[in-house]
Amino acid sequence: IASVKTLADDVIYLIDKPGAEQSIIFAAQLVTPMANPDEIAIEAFNDILGGTFSSRINLNLREEKSWSYGARSTIVSARAQRPFFAYAPVQTDKTAASLAEILREINEIQTTNPPRQDELQRVQNSSTLSLSGLWDTNSAVLGALTKITAFDLPEDYWSTYPDKLSDLSLTQVTAAGSKLLNPAQLTLVVIGDRARISSDLEALNAGEIRLIDVDGNPVTSNSASLFNKTE
């Protein structure tokens, strides 16, 4: 399976959507394939960071600051490298500040503010208590079995999952998270009204602002609408 190198440059890719009522922020990185010995710890780490309603990113941007209706992070399932991304639709005037908060949360959970026992316990309870829903219907059972075959997981994945999750330690979760992400190598994408957000993004000093269209092509004309394909 091919491996994609991480981009070395610090860049914020900006897609202009004139008149947008809000901005959408993405902070992304390719991470390890799903079939790895730390997967359950990785999932718990992500749930603490941004994978659930009570995660740090959502409590910060939605509940504490009211800048977003909901902010999350997710890891897309894949056999090879897979995308991790934190994302948030936010009010336009808080675009740069919200991006700064997402970057801070990702950095601090790996450094000065690692996962806490109460956060891990909450994730363990939520994930184990919801397991019965995976087998409510025939299609649900098929989906659970398909996950094993599609992503090269062990045949006993589901039968051992509850015990492995319950036995997770903070040390395991913290170590898995430290190997999962590199805050210095995140790819940043912002969609919003360039005229209202670009100066704040530049002041954030998180990377060079590069203008692209919705297909990822560079846009060089200052007057072009980045939300449309270039001619």
C-alpha atoms as a PDB file:
ATOM      1  CA  ILE A   1       0.000   0.000   0.000  1.00  0.00           C
ATOM      2  CA  ALA A   2       1.371   3.375  -1.001  1.00  0.00           C
ATOM      3  CA  SER A   3       2.364   5.896   1.648  1.00  0.00           C
ATOM      4  CA  VAL A   4       1.845   9.646   1.246  1.00  0.00           C
ATOM      5  CA  LYS A   5       4.387  12.057   2.676  1.00  0.00           C
ATOM      6  CA  THR A   6       3.312  14.861   4.972  1.00  0.00           C
ATOM      7  CA  LEU A   7       3.548  18.363   3.562  1.00  0.00           C
ATOM      8  CA  ALA A   8       6.478  20.288   5.009  1.00  0.00           C
ATOM      9  CA  ASP A   9       5.201  23.851   4.511  1.00  0.00           C
ATOM     10  CA  ASP A  10       3.064  25.774   6.994  1.00  0.00           C
ATOM     11  CA  VAL A  11       0.056  26.739   4.884  1.00  0.00           C
ATOM     12  CA  ILE A  12      -3.547  27.795   5.326  1.00  0.00           C
ATOM     13  CA  TYR A  13      -5.531  26.937   2.198  1.00  0.00           C
ATOM     14  CA  LEU A  14      -8.315  29.473   1.796  1.00  0.00           C
ATOM     15  CA  ILE A  15     -11.417  28.948  -0.344  1.00  0.00           C
ATOM     16  CA  ASP A  16     -13.269  32.196  -0.837  1.00  0.00           C
ATOM     17  CA  LYS A  17     -17.055  32.116  -0.496  1.00  0.00           C
ATOM     18  CA  PRO A  18     -18.162  35.751  -0.751  1.00  0.00           C
ATOM     19  CA  GLY A  19     -21.085  36.607   1.486  1.00  0.00           C
ATOM     20  CA  ALA A  20     -20.803  33.382   3.503  1.00  0.00           C
ATOM     21  CA  GLU A  21     -22.652  33.664   6.804  1.00  0.00           C
ATOM     22  CA  GLN A  22     -20.067  31.504   8.546  1.00  0.00           C
ATOM     23  CA  SER A  23     -16.681  29.922   7.962  1.00  0.00           C
ATOM     24  CA  ILE A  24     -15.764  26.247   8.025  1.00  0.00           C
ATOM     25  CA  ILE A  25     -12.390  25.235   9.421  1.00  0.00           C
ATOM     26  CA  PHE A  26     -10.480  21.992   8.857  1.00  0.00           C
ATOM     27  CA  ALA A  27      -7.217  20.900  10.466  1.00  0.00           C
ATOM     28  CA  ALA A  28      -6.198  17.582   8.912  1.00  0.00           C
ATOM     29  CA  GLN A  29      -3.437  15.025   8.760  1.00  0.00           C
ATOM     30  CA  LEU A  30      -2.927  11.518   7.399  1.00  0.00           C
ATOM     31  CA  VAL A  31      -2.560   8.987  10.209  1.00  0.00           C
ATOM     32  CA  THR A  32      -1.858   5.290  10.669  1.00  0.00           C
ATOM     33  CA  PRO A  33      -4.063   2.622   9.013  1.00  0.00           C
ATOM     34  CA  MET A  34      -6.951   1.256  11.043  1.00  0.00           C
ATOM     35  CA  ALA A  35      -5.421  -2.208  11.480  1.00  0.00           C
ATOM     36  CA  ASN A  36      -2.865  -1.382  14.164  1.00  0.00           C
ATOM     37  CA  PRO A  37      -2.359  -2.589  17.752  1.00  0.00           C
ATOM     38  CA  ASP A  38      -3.194   0.836  19.227  1.00  0.00           C
ATOM     39  CA  GLU A  39      -6.495   1.387  17.408  1.00  0.00           C
ATOM     40  CA  ILE A  40      -8.786   1.199  20.442  1.00  0.00           C
ATOM     41  CA  ALA A  41      -6.548   3.631  22.342  1.00  0.00           C
ATOM     42  CA  ILE A  42      -6.461   5.904  19.280  1.00  0.00           C
ATOM     43  CA  GLU A  43     -10.256   5.946  19.117  1.00  0.00           C
ATOM     44  CA  ALA A  44     -10.461   6.804  22.811  1.00  0.00           C
ATOM     45  CA  PHE A  45      -7.925   9.602  22.355  1.00  0.00           C
ATOM     46  CA  ASN A  46      -9.913  11.075  19.477  1.00  0.00           C
ATOM     47  CA  ASP A  47     -13.177  10.807  21.422  1.00  0.00           C
ATOM     48  CA  ILE A  48     -11.611  12.852  24.209  1.00  0.00           C
ATOM     49  CA  LEU A  49     -10.217  15.422  21.791  1.00  0.00           C
ATOM     50  CA  GLY A  50     -13.175  15.918  19.483  1.00  0.00           C
ATOM     51  CA  GLY A  51     -15.063  12.711  18.741  1.00  0.00           C
ATOM     52  CA  THR A  52     -18.060  13.222  21.022  1.00  0.00           C
ATOM     53  CA  PHE A  53     -20.358  16.007  22.180  1.00  0.00           C
ATOM     54  CA  SER A  54     -18.511  16.177  25.497  1.00  0.00           C
ATOM     55  CA  SER A  55     -15.098  16.339  23.805  1.00  0.00           C
ATOM     56  CA  ARG A  56     -12.676  19.171  24.418  1.00  0.00           C
ATOM     57  CA  ILE A  57     -13.055  20.864  21.035  1.00  0.00           C
ATOM     58  CA  ASN A  58     -16.858  20.913  21.180  1.00  0.00           C
ATOM     59  CA  LEU A  59     -17.043  22.020  24.808  1.00  0.00           C
ATOM     60  CA  ASN A  60     -14.604  24.803  23.976  1.00  0.00           C
ATOM     61  CA  LEU A  61     -16.054  26.250  20.758  1.00  0.00           C
ATOM     62  CA  ARG A  62     -19.747  25.444  21.301  1.00  0.00           C
ATOM     63  CA  GLU A  63     -20.458  25.289  25.009  1.00  0.00           C
ATOM     64  CA  GLU A  64     -17.901  27.740  26.420  1.00  0.00           C
ATOM     65  CA  LYS A  65     -17.444  30.306  23.645  1.00  0.00           C
ATOM     66  CA  SER A  66     -20.635  29.868  21.579  1.00  0.00           C
ATOM     67  CA  TRP A  67     -18.688  30.392  18.365  1.00  0.00           C
ATOM     68  CA  SER A  68     -20.002  27.209  16.742  1.00  0.00           C
ATOM     69  CA  TYR A  69     -23.093  25.003  16.719  1.00  0.00           C
ATOM     70  CA  GLY A  70     -20.791  22.021  16.916  1.00  0.00           C
ATOM     71  CA  ALA A  71     -17.088  21.220  16.516  1.00  0.00           C
ATOM     72  CA  ARG A  72     -15.647  17.764  16.132  1.00  0.00           C
ATOM     73  CA  SER A  73     -12.677  15.637  15.150  1.00  0.00           C
ATOM     74  CA  THR A  74     -12.880  12.331  13.339  1.00  0.00           C
ATOM     75  CA  ILE A  75     -10.687   9.619  11.856  1.00  0.00           C
ATOM     76  CA  VAL A  76     -11.950   8.141   8.601  1.00  0.00           C
ATOM     77  CA  SER A  77     -11.722   4.344   8.422  1.00  0.00           C
ATOM     78  CA  ALA A  78      -9.287   3.023   5.779  1.00  0.00           C
ATOM     79  CA  ARG A  79      -6.925   0.144   5.106  1.00  0.00           C
ATOM     80  CA  ALA A  80      -4.050   2.500   4.336  1.00  0.00           C
ATOM     81  CA  GLN A  81      -3.203   5.936   5.701  1.00  0.00           C
ATOM     82  CA  ARG A  82      -6.451   7.638   6.645  1.00  0.00           C
ATOM     83  CA  PRO A  83      -7.534  11.201   7.228  1.00  0.00           C
ATOM     84  CA  PHE A  84      -7.797  12.659  10.690  1.00  0.00           C
ATOM     85  CA  PHE A  85      -9.492  16.031  10.709  1.00  0.00           C
ATOM     86  CA  ALA A  86     -10.838  18.443  13.247  1.00  0.00           C
ATOM     87  CA  TYR A  87     -13.524  20.695  11.843  1.00  0.00           C
ATOM     88  CA  ALA A  88     -15.925  23.417  12.912  1.00  0.00           C
ATOM     89  CA  PRO A  89     -18.440  25.727  11.261  1.00  0.00           C
ATOM     90  CA  VAL A  90     -17.926  29.015  13.112  1.00  0.00           C
ATOM     91  CA  GLN A  91     -19.175  32.580  13.094  1.00  0.00           C
ATOM     92  CA  THR A  92     -17.230  34.618  10.572  1.00  0.00           C
ATOM     93  CA  ASP A  93     -15.667  37.127  12.956  1.00  0.00           C
ATOM     94  CA  LYS A  94     -14.280  34.278  15.084  1.00  0.00           C
ATOM     95  CA  THR A  95     -12.707  32.301  12.232  1.00  0.00           C
ATOM     96  CA  ALA A  96      -9.057  32.890  13.110  1.00  0.00           C
ATOM     97  CA  ALA A  97      -9.694  32.687  16.853  1.00  0.00           C
ATOM     98  CA  SER A  98     -11.520  29.369  16.400  1.00  0.00           C
ATOM     99  CA  LEU A  99      -8.683  27.946  14.321  1.00  0.00           C
ATOM    100  CA  ALA A 100      -6.255  29.031  17.029  1.00  0.00           C
ATOM    101  CA  GLU A 101      -8.354  27.230  19.652  1.00  0.00           C
ATOM    102  CA  ILE A 102      -8.463  24.008  17.625  1.00  0.00           C
ATOM    103  CA  LEU A 103      -4.692  24.088  17.173  1.00  0.00           C
ATOM    104  CA  ARG A 104      -4.231  24.816  20.860  1.00  0.00           C
ATOM    105  CA  GLU A 105      -6.432  21.871  21.877  1.00  0.00           C
ATOM    106  CA  ILE A 106      -4.531  19.504  19.590  1.00  0.00           C
ATOM    107  CA  ASN A 107      -1.178  20.726  20.894  1.00  0.00           C
ATOM    108  CA  GLU A 108      -2.088  20.760  24.583  1.00  0.00           C
ATOM    109  CA  ILE A 109      -3.651  17.288  24.686  1.00  0.00           C
ATOM    110  CA  GLN A 110      -0.255  15.987  23.603  1.00  0.00           C
ATOM    111  CA  THR A 111       1.826  18.211  25.872  1.00  0.00           C
ATOM    112  CA  THR A 112       0.663  20.267  28.841  1.00  0.00           C
ATOM    113  CA  ASN A 113      -2.881  18.925  29.223  1.00  0.00           C
ATOM    114  CA  PRO A 114      -2.963  15.187  28.422  1.00  0.00           C
ATOM    115  CA  PRO A 115      -6.129  13.065  28.715  1.00  0.00           C
ATOM    116  CA  ARG A 116      -7.578  12.863  32.226  1.00  0.00           C
ATOM    117  CA  GLN A 117      -9.016   9.848  33.980  1.00  0.00           C
ATOM    118  CA  ASP A 118     -12.529  11.296  34.102  1.00  0.00           C
ATOM    119  CA  GLU A 119     -12.446  11.892  30.336  1.00  0.00           C
ATOM    120  CA  LEU A 120     -11.254   8.365  29.653  1.00  0.00           C
ATOM    121  CA  GLN A 121     -13.889   6.909  31.965  1.00  0.00           C
ATOM    122  CA  ARG A 122     -16.626   8.839  30.188  1.00  0.00           C
ATOM    123  CA  VAL A 123     -15.451   7.525  26.806  1.00  0.00           C
ATOM    124  CA  GLN A 124     -15.210   3.974  28.111  1.00  0.00           C
ATOM    125  CA  ASN A 125     -18.722   4.093  29.544  1.00  0.00           C
ATOM    126  CA  SER A 126     -20.230   5.643  26.425  1.00  0.00           C
ATOM    127  CA  SER A 127     -18.567   3.249  23.997  1.00  0.00           C
ATOM    128  CA  THR A 128     -19.253   0.043  25.916  1.00  0.00           C
ATOM    129  CA  LEU A 129     -22.853   0.878  26.819  1.00  0.00           C
ATOM    130  CA  SER A 130     -23.681   1.614  23.180  1.00  0.00           C
ATOM    131  CA  LEU A 131     -22.235  -1.641  21.841  1.00  0.00           C
ATOM    132  CA  SER A 132     -25.561  -3.494  21.895  1.00  0.00           C
ATOM    133  CA  GLY A 133     -26.823  -1.160  19.184  1.00  0.00           C
ATOM    134  CA  LEU A 134     -24.306  -2.657  16.755  1.00  0.00           C
ATOM    135  CA  TRP A 135     -26.320  -5.865  16.591  1.00  0.00           C
ATOM    136  CA  ASP A 136     -29.913  -4.626  16.688  1.00  0.00           C
ATOM    137  CA  THR A 137     -30.682  -5.642  13.105  1.00  0.00           C
ATOM    138  CA  ASN A 138     -29.359  -7.999  10.456  1.00  0.00           C
ATOM    139  CA  SER A 139     -27.898  -5.088   8.531  1.00  0.00           C
ATOM    140  CA  ALA A 140     -26.185  -3.840  11.683  1.00  0.00           C
ATOM    141  CA  VAL A 141     -24.613  -7.257  12.244  1.00  0.00           C
ATOM    142  CA  LEU A 142     -23.493  -7.313   8.617  1.00  0.00           C
ATOM    143  CA  GLY A 143     -21.968  -3.864   9.031  1.00  0.00           C
ATOM    144  CA  ALA A 144     -20.014  -4.936  12.117  1.00  0.00           C
ATOM    145  CA  LEU A 145     -18.682  -8.028  10.320  1.00  0.00           C
ATOM    146  CA  THR A 146     -17.887  -6.052   7.187  1.00  0.00           C
ATOM    147  CA  LYS A 147     -15.761  -3.690   9.262  1.00  0.00           C
ATOM    148  CA  ILE A 148     -13.544  -6.620  10.248  1.00  0.00           C
ATOM    149  CA  THR A 149     -12.978  -7.823   6.701  1.00  0.00           C
ATOM    150  CA  ALA A 150     -12.800  -4.401   5.049  1.00  0.00           C
ATOM    151  CA  PHE A 151     -10.081  -3.039   7.330  1.00  0.00           C
ATOM    152  CA  ASP A 152      -8.061  -6.202   8.095  1.00  0.00           C
ATOM    153  CA  LEU A 153      -9.054  -6.284  11.750  1.00  0.00           C
ATOM    154  CA  PRO A 154      -8.583  -9.429  13.890  1.00  0.00           C
ATOM    155  CA  GLU A 155     -11.447 -11.934  13.716  1.00  0.00           C
ATOM    156  CA  ASP A 156     -12.022 -11.548  17.455  1.00  0.00           C
ATOM    157  CA  TYR A 157     -12.132  -7.743  17.222  1.00  0.00           C
ATOM    158  CA  TRP A 158     -15.679  -7.347  18.534  1.00  0.00           C
ATOM    159  CA  SER A 159     -15.552 -10.150  21.107  1.00  0.00           C
ATOM    160  CA  THR A 160     -12.436  -8.666  22.704  1.00  0.00           C
ATOM    161  CA  TYR A 161     -13.341  -5.003  22.171  1.00  0.00           C
ATOM    162  CA  PRO A 162     -15.248  -4.381  25.466  1.00  0.00           C
ATOM    163  CA  ASP A 163     -12.480  -5.791  27.656  1.00  0.00           C
ATOM    164  CA  LYS A 164      -9.707  -4.022  25.726  1.00  0.00           C
ATOM    165  CA  LEU A 165     -11.566  -0.728  25.956  1.00  0.00           C
ATOM    166  CA  SER A 166     -12.343  -1.125  29.647  1.00  0.00           C
ATOM    167  CA  ASP A 167      -8.725  -2.061  30.393  1.00  0.00           C
ATOM    168  CA  LEU A 168      -7.269   0.999  28.655  1.00  0.00           C
ATOM    169  CA  SER A 169      -4.989   3.098  30.838  1.00  0.00           C
ATOM    170  CA  LEU A 170      -4.276   6.793  30.584  1.00  0.00           C
ATOM    171  CA  THR A 171      -0.702   5.912  29.700  1.00  0.00           C
ATOM    172  CA  GLN A 172      -1.855   3.869  26.701  1.00  0.00           C
ATOM    173  CA  VAL A 173      -4.239   6.554  25.463  1.00  0.00           C
ATOM    174  CA  THR A 174      -1.703   9.344  25.882  1.00  0.00           C
ATOM    175  CA  ALA A 175       1.011   7.350  24.127  1.00  0.00           C
ATOM    176  CA  ALA A 176      -1.301   6.484  21.230  1.00  0.00           C
ATOM    177  CA  GLY A 177      -2.243  10.134  20.822  1.00  0.00           C
ATOM    178  CA  SER A 178       1.361  11.285  20.847  1.00  0.00           C
ATOM    179  CA  LYS A 179       2.134   8.911  17.960  1.00  0.00           C
ATOM    180  CA  LEU A 180      -1.054   9.735  16.083  1.00  0.00           C
ATOM    181  CA  LEU A 181      -0.674  13.455  15.386  1.00  0.00           C
ATOM    182  CA  ASN A 182       2.041  15.993  14.753  1.00  0.00           C
ATOM    183  CA  PRO A 183       0.571  19.469  15.387  1.00  0.00           C
ATOM    184  CA  ALA A 184       3.365  21.029  13.334  1.00  0.00           C
ATOM    185  CA  GLN A 185       2.339  19.093  10.217  1.00  0.00           C
ATOM    186  CA  LEU A 186      -1.395  19.700  10.051  1.00  0.00           C
ATOM    187  CA  THR A 187      -2.968  20.769   6.771  1.00  0.00           C
ATOM    188  CA  LEU A 188      -5.258  23.747   7.390  1.00  0.00           C
ATOM    189  CA  VAL A 189      -8.222  24.610   5.169  1.00  0.00           C
ATOM    190  CA  VAL A 190     -10.670  27.465   5.684  1.00  0.00           C
ATOM    191  CA  ILE A 191     -13.806  28.148   3.635  1.00  0.00           C
ATOM    192  CA  GLY A 192     -15.347  31.560   4.133  1.00  0.00           C
ATOM    193  CA  ASP A 193     -15.646  35.168   3.059  1.00  0.00           C
ATOM    194  CA  ARG A 194     -12.063  36.068   2.233  1.00  0.00           C
ATOM    195  CA  ALA A 195     -12.659  39.808   2.545  1.00  0.00           C
ATOM    196  CA  ARG A 196     -13.768  39.398   6.155  1.00  0.00           C
ATOM    197  CA  ILE A 197     -11.368  36.720   7.420  1.00  0.00           C
ATOM    198  CA  SER A 198      -8.069  36.870   5.538  1.00  0.00           C
ATOM    199  CA  SER A 199      -6.431  39.625   7.601  1.00  0.00           C
ATOM    200  CA  ASP A 200      -7.171  37.805  10.880  1.00  0.00           C
ATOM    201  CA  LEU A 201      -5.856  34.547   9.428  1.00  0.00           C
ATOM    202  CA  GLU A 202      -2.640  36.274   8.376  1.00  0.00           C
ATOM    203  CA  ALA A 203      -2.249  37.764  11.853  1.00  0.00           C
ATOM    204  CA  LEU A 204      -2.602  34.283  13.325  1.00  0.00           C
ATOM    205  CA  ASN A 205       0.775  33.434  11.766  1.00  0.00           C
ATOM    206  CA  ALA A 206      -0.148  29.766  11.405  1.00  0.00           C
ATOM    207  CA  GLY A 207       1.071  29.578   7.826  1.00  0.00           C
ATOM    208  CA  GLU A 208       1.171  31.209   4.423  1.00  0.00           C
ATOM    209  CA  ILE A 209      -2.284  31.929   3.001  1.00  0.00           C
ATOM    210  CA  ARG A 210      -2.753  30.135  -0.322  1.00  0.00           C
ATOM    211  CA  LEU A 211      -5.908  30.715  -2.338  1.00  0.00           C
ATOM    212  CA  ILE A 212      -7.510  27.671  -3.984  1.00  0.00           C
ATOM    213  CA  ASP A 213     -10.789  26.794  -5.665  1.00  0.00           C
ATOM    214  CA  VAL A 214     -13.114  23.968  -4.585  1.00  0.00           C
ATOM    215  CA  ASP A 215     -11.093  21.459  -6.615  1.00  0.00           C
ATOM    216  CA  GLY A 216      -7.863  22.422  -4.879  1.00  0.00           C
ATOM    217  CA  ASN A 217      -6.448  24.345  -7.838  1.00  0.00           C
ATOM    218  CA  PRO A 218      -4.431  27.496  -7.090  1.00  0.00           C
ATOM    219  CA  VAL A 219      -6.243  30.761  -7.750  1.00  0.00           C
ATOM    220  CA  THR A 220      -4.047  33.650  -8.786  1.00  0.00           C
ATOM    221  CA  SER A 221      -6.587  36.319  -9.709  1.00  0.00           C
ATOM    222  CA  ASN A 222      -7.452  38.556  -6.788  1.00  0.00           C
ATOM    223  CA  SER A 223     -10.820  39.236  -8.344  1.00  0.00           C
ATOM    224  CA  ALA A 224     -11.772  35.618  -9.006  1.00  0.00           C
ATOM    225  CA  SER A 225     -14.367  33.891  -6.905  1.00  0.00           C
ATOM    226  CA  LEU A 226     -12.529  31.010  -5.298  1.00  0.00           C
ATOM    227  CA  PHE A 227     -15.773  29.146  -4.735  1.00  0.00           C
ATOM    228  CA  ASN A 228     -16.042  28.557  -8.497  1.00  0.00           C
ATOM    229  CA  LYS A 229     -13.741  26.575 -10.731  1.00  0.00           C
ATOM    230  CA  THR A 230     -11.124  28.595 -12.489  1.00  0.00           C
ATOM    231  CA  GLU A 231     -11.473  28.826 -16.219  1.00  0.00           C
END
